[in-house]
Amino acid sequence: MPDRPGRQFLQVPGPTNIPDRILRAMHRPALDFSSPGFMDIGVECLERIKPLFGTSSEVFFYTASGHGAWEAAFANLFEAGDTILMPETGRFSKTWGEMAAELGLSVETIPNDWRSAIDPDQVEELLRQDKAHNIKAVLAVHVETATGVLSQVAPIRKAIDNAGHPALLVVDAIASFMTMPLPMDELGVDVVIAACQKGLMMPPGLSFNAVSDKAIEASRACRTHRNYWSWIDRMGREQYHRFAGTAPEHLFFALQESITMINEWGMEAIFARHARLADAVRLCVSRWTEAGALEFNAVHPEQRANALTVIRAGDGVDPDAVRFTAREMFDVAVGGGLGQVAGKVFRIGHMGDLNDPMILGALAGIEATLARLDIPYESGLADAVQFLSRTAAAPERQPDGRRVV
């Protein structure tokens, strides 16, 4: 088939759009990864990523997906038979819990309807009941990619403290990293798990454990056999041991450029942009829902993530047909449902390297899809346009080149 004209609007919740600057940074020959040229890049990235996590402690890199970073946290912190508390929020919290069970851990959970956030009061109550402190950690998904639900981290930390419980707090920030603030040290998080293919705007393949001093000490005491995942083995050793083998050089070239771009924009500006674009999407979707065929999956507005919006289809509406038609006819790629919401939702990602016309184009393509499939909806595109026009930053220069004062 001949190539289609133009570009596809990539609105899946990961992988996200890769900026040309990052693609160009990767378009270079491989280096001797033990040479000063690459060692300097590796050390630079190891240090420059810490402020992105809001930590002064260690960040460990893995040539792995986010699932690998999940397993790294398990291997470093827990022994078979240990108990963890994993509140349910969606497919990814469930999958994370299934991984824990397969590794021999005992998993306590708090059932959830996949439409609402973690209830910190329930976390506190369970920890208060754990008089023997058998629960070693609370594991929380910050933004559940399958459901679009945001669970605030600070109330979970407060619940642990209020219960007087020594449990570690481990947070999956794969969908939230660099889309909203998560200052690790300030919030008292012991481990943050992240990956590169969402807010960092990179190709998949690199994931992270940002680790507090308390978690490092827990790892030293843990007797689980480990090698590749080991935090301790990756500390204070030569370059080879930092990466447990050959470094993923081109991903580090990409990461170096990604961090540079983030610092040029500023983290506050990035978080504000994600919030603004998410508000535009939510305004548009709220109008779609007025016709009764669609609704937000996240029931409570304050629990709707800035990284993505998940839309639940009513009776007679096939969300997979929406996805297929949007992608094949209107070049807008959106995500589908996972787990118990498979065949019930479609997901609009709005994270990473995005701007106003990209969001508006994607929303227009989805509205065209709804019209094509005769799905009842009220158009929300004008509302999104008006919102973005009102909230757009003023240009720095006049059309004639004079600086705006």
Foldseek 3Di string as FASTA:
>chain_A
DDDDPDAFLEFALWLHAADPLLVVLLPDDDDPCQDPVNVVLVVVLQCLCQVLQQDPAGKAKAQDFLVVVLVLLPLQFDDAAQEAEQEDQADVSVVSVVVCVVRRYHYHYHDDPNQEADDLVVVLVVLLVPPVLSHQAYEYEQADSQAQFGYDLLSNLVSCVVSVHPHAYEYECASPRLQADDNPVVSVHAWYKYFCSFQLSAHGGMIMIGGDPVSNVSSVVDPRDDQQSRPVQLPPDRPCSSHVHDDPRSVSSSNSVSSVVCVVCDSVNSNVQLVLLLVLVVQQVVQFCVQPQKDWSRPDPVGRDSFKTKIFGDPPDFVVLLQVCLCPPVSYHWAAHDDPCGRTIIMGGDHYPDDLVSSLSNLVSSVVSCVVVVNRGGGRSVVSVVSCVVPPDDDQADPVGHGDD
